[in-house]
C-alpha atoms as a PDB file:
ATOM      1  CA  MET A   1     -15.864 -59.717  70.376  1.00  0.00           C
ATOM      2  CA  ALA A   2     -14.600 -56.175  70.680  1.00  0.00           C
ATOM      3  CA  SER A   3     -12.718 -55.135  73.794  1.00  0.00           C
ATOM      4  CA  THR A   4     -14.948 -53.937  76.623  1.00  0.00           C
ATOM      5  CA  THR A   5     -12.310 -51.366  77.561  1.00  0.00           C
ATOM      6  CA  ALA A   6     -12.289 -49.917  74.052  1.00  0.00           C
ATOM      7  CA  THR A   7     -16.091 -49.721  74.129  1.00  0.00           C
ATOM      8  CA  TYR A   8     -16.075 -47.872  77.442  1.00  0.00           C
ATOM      9  CA  ILE A   9     -13.402 -45.463  76.207  1.00  0.00           C
ATOM     10  CA  GLY A  10     -15.467 -44.811  73.062  1.00  0.00           C
ATOM     11  CA  ILE A  11     -18.615 -44.131  75.087  1.00  0.00           C
ATOM     12  CA  PHE A  12     -16.621 -41.888  77.452  1.00  0.00           C
ATOM     13  CA  PHE A  13     -15.383 -39.747  74.551  1.00  0.00           C
ATOM     14  CA  LEU A  14     -18.817 -39.754  72.926  1.00  0.00           C
ATOM     15  CA  THR A  15     -20.386 -38.584  76.190  1.00  0.00           C
ATOM     16  CA  GLY A  16     -17.771 -35.859  76.676  1.00  0.00           C
ATOM     17  CA  ASN A  17     -18.139 -34.629  73.110  1.00  0.00           C
ATOM     18  CA  SER A  18     -21.944 -34.587  73.446  1.00  0.00           C
ATOM     19  CA  ILE A  19     -21.723 -32.578  76.679  1.00  0.00           C
ATOM     20  CA  LEU A  20     -19.430 -30.056  74.968  1.00  0.00           C
ATOM     21  CA  ALA A  21     -21.786 -29.812  71.976  1.00  0.00           C
ATOM     22  CA  ILE A  22     -24.765 -29.191  74.269  1.00  0.00           C
ATOM     23  CA  ASN A  23     -22.768 -26.555  76.131  1.00  0.00           C
ATOM     24  CA  ARG A  24     -21.915 -24.769  72.874  1.00  0.00           C
ATOM     25  CA  SER A  25     -25.558 -24.962  71.751  1.00  0.00           C
ATOM     26  CA  ARG A  26     -26.969 -23.128  74.757  1.00  0.00           C
ATOM     27  CA  GLY A  27     -30.312 -21.626  73.873  1.00  0.00           C
ATOM     28  CA  ASP A  28     -30.740 -23.535  70.592  1.00  0.00           C
ATOM     29  CA  ALA A  29     -33.342 -26.173  71.420  1.00  0.00           C
ATOM     30  CA  ALA A  30     -33.179 -27.799  67.968  1.00  0.00           C
ATOM     31  CA  ALA A  31     -29.399 -28.274  68.192  1.00  0.00           C
ATOM     32  CA  ILE A  32     -29.611 -29.662  71.724  1.00  0.00           C
ATOM     33  CA  THR A  33     -32.366 -32.068  70.700  1.00  0.00           C
ATOM     34  CA  PHE A  34     -30.284 -33.214  67.732  1.00  0.00           C
ATOM     35  CA  VAL A  35     -27.223 -33.831  69.930  1.00  0.00           C
ATOM     36  CA  ILE A  36     -29.242 -35.789  72.498  1.00  0.00           C
ATOM     37  CA  ALA A  37     -31.013 -37.867  69.825  1.00  0.00           C
ATOM     38  CA  SER A  38     -27.701 -38.594  68.092  1.00  0.00           C
ATOM     39  CA  TYR A  39     -26.060 -39.559  71.380  1.00  0.00           C
ATOM     40  CA  LEU A  40     -28.877 -41.923  72.347  1.00  0.00           C
ATOM     41  CA  SER A  41     -28.912 -43.478  68.868  1.00  0.00           C
ATOM     42  CA  LEU A  42     -25.158 -44.086  68.957  1.00  0.00           C
ATOM     43  CA  VAL A  43     -25.366 -45.664  72.410  1.00  0.00           C
ATOM     44  CA  GLN A  44     -28.207 -47.847  71.120  1.00  0.00           C
ATOM     45  CA  LEU A  45     -26.018 -48.828  68.148  1.00  0.00           C
ATOM     46  CA  PHE A  46     -23.200 -49.894  70.506  1.00  0.00           C
ATOM     47  CA  TYR A  47     -25.704 -51.982  72.451  1.00  0.00           C
ATOM     48  CA  CYS A  48     -27.173 -53.573  69.299  1.00  0.00           C
ATOM     49  CA  LEU A  49     -23.715 -54.398  67.938  1.00  0.00           C
ATOM     50  CA  ARG A  50     -22.773 -56.050  71.225  1.00  0.00           C
ATOM     51  CA  TRP A  51     -26.060 -58.004  71.114  1.00  0.00           C
ATOM     52  CA  PHE A  52     -25.333 -59.063  67.534  1.00  0.00           C
ATOM     53  CA  GLU A  53     -21.804 -60.208  68.401  1.00  0.00           C
ATOM     54  CA  ALA A  54     -23.019 -62.204  71.441  1.00  0.00           C
ATOM     55  CA  SER A  55     -25.861 -63.970  69.629  1.00  0.00           C
ATOM     56  CA  PRO A  56     -25.228 -67.467  68.286  1.00  0.00           C
ATOM     57  CA  GLN A  57     -25.086 -67.765  64.512  1.00  0.00           C
ATOM     58  CA  GLY A  58     -28.365 -68.721  62.886  1.00  0.00           C
ATOM     59  CA  SER A  59     -30.471 -67.857  65.938  1.00  0.00           C
ATOM     60  CA  ALA A  60     -33.607 -65.709  66.032  1.00  0.00           C
ATOM     61  CA  ALA A  61     -31.828 -63.382  68.485  1.00  0.00           C
ATOM     62  CA  ARG A  62     -29.101 -62.743  65.904  1.00  0.00           C
ATOM     63  CA  ASP A  63     -31.706 -61.909  63.263  1.00  0.00           C
ATOM     64  CA  LYS A  64     -33.394 -59.458  65.646  1.00  0.00           C
ATOM     65  CA  ALA A  65     -30.040 -57.928  66.503  1.00  0.00           C
ATOM     66  CA  ARG A  66     -29.187 -57.665  62.790  1.00  0.00           C
ATOM     67  CA  PHE A  67     -32.446 -55.790  62.158  1.00  0.00           C
ATOM     68  CA  SER A  68     -31.798 -53.531  65.163  1.00  0.00           C
ATOM     69  CA  VAL A  69     -28.325 -52.657  63.868  1.00  0.00           C
ATOM     70  CA  TRP A  70     -29.698 -51.838  60.426  1.00  0.00           C
ATOM     71  CA  PHE A  71     -32.590 -49.799  61.833  1.00  0.00           C
ATOM     72  CA  THR A  72     -30.313 -47.798  64.145  1.00  0.00           C
ATOM     73  CA  THR A  73     -27.795 -47.060  61.380  1.00  0.00           C
ATOM     74  CA  THR A  74     -30.694 -46.047  59.106  1.00  0.00           C
ATOM     75  CA  LEU A  75     -31.948 -43.660  61.777  1.00  0.00           C
ATOM     76  CA  LEU A  76     -28.487 -42.145  62.233  1.00  0.00           C
ATOM     77  CA  THR A  77     -27.937 -41.824  58.477  1.00  0.00           C
ATOM     78  CA  ALA A  78     -31.281 -40.063  58.033  1.00  0.00           C
ATOM     79  CA  MET A  79     -30.632 -37.723  60.969  1.00  0.00           C
ATOM     80  CA  PHE A  80     -27.174 -36.713  59.777  1.00  0.00           C
ATOM     81  CA  SER A  81     -28.283 -36.409  56.138  1.00  0.00           C
ATOM     82  CA  TRP A  82     -31.146 -34.139  57.186  1.00  0.00           C
ATOM     83  CA  ARG A  83     -28.802 -31.969  59.267  1.00  0.00           C
ATOM     84  CA  VAL A  84     -26.124 -31.686  56.559  1.00  0.00           C
ATOM     85  CA  ALA A  85     -28.566 -31.206  53.663  1.00  0.00           C
ATOM     86  CA  ALA A  86     -30.222 -28.316  55.514  1.00  0.00           C
ATOM     87  CA  VAL A  87     -27.097 -26.156  55.160  1.00  0.00           C
ATOM     88  CA  MET A  88     -26.182 -27.131  51.595  1.00  0.00           C
ATOM     89  CA  PRO A  89     -27.338 -25.765  48.228  1.00  0.00           C
ATOM     90  CA  ARG A  90     -30.071 -27.865  46.617  1.00  0.00           C
ATOM     91  CA  PRO A  91     -27.859 -29.843  44.192  1.00  0.00           C
ATOM     92  CA  VAL A  92     -25.419 -30.732  46.957  1.00  0.00           C
ATOM     93  CA  ALA A  93     -28.304 -31.548  49.332  1.00  0.00           C
ATOM     94  CA  ALA A  94     -29.705 -33.916  46.709  1.00  0.00           C
ATOM     95  CA  GLY A  95     -26.292 -35.604  46.559  1.00  0.00           C
ATOM     96  CA  VAL A  96     -26.225 -35.914  50.354  1.00  0.00           C
ATOM     97  CA  TRP A  97     -29.664 -37.557  50.341  1.00  0.00           C
ATOM     98  CA  PHE A  98     -28.659 -39.824  47.446  1.00  0.00           C
ATOM     99  CA  MET A  99     -25.532 -40.984  49.287  1.00  0.00           C
ATOM    100  CA  GLY A 100     -27.510 -41.519  52.490  1.00  0.00           C
ATOM    101  CA  GLY A 101     -30.152 -43.527  50.646  1.00  0.00           C
ATOM    102  CA  SER A 102     -27.435 -45.555  48.923  1.00  0.00           C
ATOM    103  CA  MET A 103     -25.874 -46.358  52.285  1.00  0.00           C
ATOM    104  CA  ILE A 104     -29.226 -47.457  53.704  1.00  0.00           C
ATOM    105  CA  ALA A 105     -29.976 -49.640  50.668  1.00  0.00           C
ATOM    106  CA  GLY A 106     -26.442 -51.062  50.667  1.00  0.00           C
ATOM    107  CA  GLY A 107     -26.671 -51.876  54.358  1.00  0.00           C
ATOM    108  CA  PHE A 108     -29.997 -53.634  53.824  1.00  0.00           C
ATOM    109  CA  TYR A 109     -28.576 -55.634  50.939  1.00  0.00           C
ATOM    110  CA  THR A 110     -25.454 -56.580  52.905  1.00  0.00           C
ATOM    111  CA  LEU A 111     -27.211 -57.497  56.145  1.00  0.00           C
ATOM    112  CA  PHE A 112     -30.301 -59.262  54.804  1.00  0.00           C
ATOM    113  CA  LEU A 113     -29.921 -60.316  51.169  1.00  0.00           C
ATOM    114  CA  CYS A 114     -26.238 -61.183  50.855  1.00  0.00           C
ATOM    115  CA  ARG A 115     -25.605 -63.396  53.883  1.00  0.00           C
ATOM    116  CA  PRO A 116     -22.582 -65.688  54.234  1.00  0.00           C
ATOM    117  CA  GLN A 117     -23.265 -69.440  54.065  1.00  0.00           C
ATOM    118  CA  GLY A 118     -22.654 -70.078  57.789  1.00  0.00           C
ATOM    119  CA  ASP A 119     -24.913 -67.314  59.127  1.00  0.00           C
END
């Protein structure tokens, strides 16, 4: 299991960076909403990963945690792809969406279809 101290340090820096981003985005409601949604999704991902690591192998709780990790990473990938693609020319935006979709599909394959023997 990952170090609790390292997790708390990561969340501390994530929180500080999010506060700075909100401060720089004063007056831009869309940017503030994006920062808050990203922050909450990342905190949820930390929680889901901890849940996954703590669950016994082969249990229903581990399967639920696995789905939660995939769903949260899918949400984050879609949010960041949408934000990046919005400022890119169409061909580059299509590449961003293609890479995001490939990551989502690859994560699904890795987490659900290609499981190790002991899990």
